[in-house]
Amino acid sequence: MATELGCRMGQVEQMIRYAYWTSGRKGIVVGLSGGVDSAVAAVFCCRAIGGEKVLGLSLPSAISKASDIEDAAMLCKKWGMEHRVVSIEPMLDGFRTMQEFKDSRYLLGNLMARIRMVILYYHANRDHKLVCGTSNRSEYMLGYCTKFGDNAADLQPIMHLYKSEIYMIAEELGIPESILKKIPSAGLWEGQSDEEEIGLSYEEIDTSLRVLELQGWQALTPVEEKVLEFVKKSEHKRLPAPNLLAEQKKP
């Protein structure tokens, strides 16, 4: 098992190195939320090209926890990354002045995700770096992500890994316990947790996704039906935008 896990980790690192070498860029930028997904993605980048070429950005809002920034800083120090903190509150305040601005959880959450990605790409463009994504397979398949927000990136090193696999690899990588033991949260509002918002545990999600794939995406239980409904409704997030050029190229 350890050999298989090491092999899979090596494949991720090789993919990162290939993307980096072929891009002609000078490094990689990754957004650090203080959670396990971004921690694993960032450490993979450090192992692949060296921590000195990786920039970790913490992008807090007014509701972000100080402990998340502290954990991100600790992670960067341990793996030799530069760490910077850029508050997104001034940008949010700018949008709040927009005519007919509505401050709902849904609208604000998507706006926060997109602002964060804009900041990541600004630093990447300025410093000639690539943006590393932090989406895992469980959330990607359910569509638990924001278009052109947290699902935008130049490389996605952990998108093929279920959340349960992320934790296994995090332990192997030596991710600090303070990060491993956190309740998964996108930090979009006070007290928000991923599992509560989705309405399913990651164990249920991962098990159902694996079974559904084996069953040809036919649901046999209520939980599988719920997961499958998420997958179907979010298909547009995994496909290119509809366009006539693509239609014209079909044989």
Foldseek 3Di string as FASTA:
>chain_A
DVVVLVVLLVVLLVVLLVLFVVLPFQAEEEEQQLALLSLLQLLSRCVNPHQDRYEYEYEAEPQRDPVSLVLSVVSSVVRVHHYDYHYCHVVVVVQVPDPPDDDDLVVQLLVSQQSVLVVRVVVCVVRRHWYEARAACLCVLLVVHHANGRVDTSYYSHNDHQPVVSLVVCVVSPRDPVRSPDQDAPSSDPPGGDCVVLVHDSVLSVVLVVVCVVVVNDDDDPSNVSNSVSNVVNVVSVDDDDDVVVVVPDD
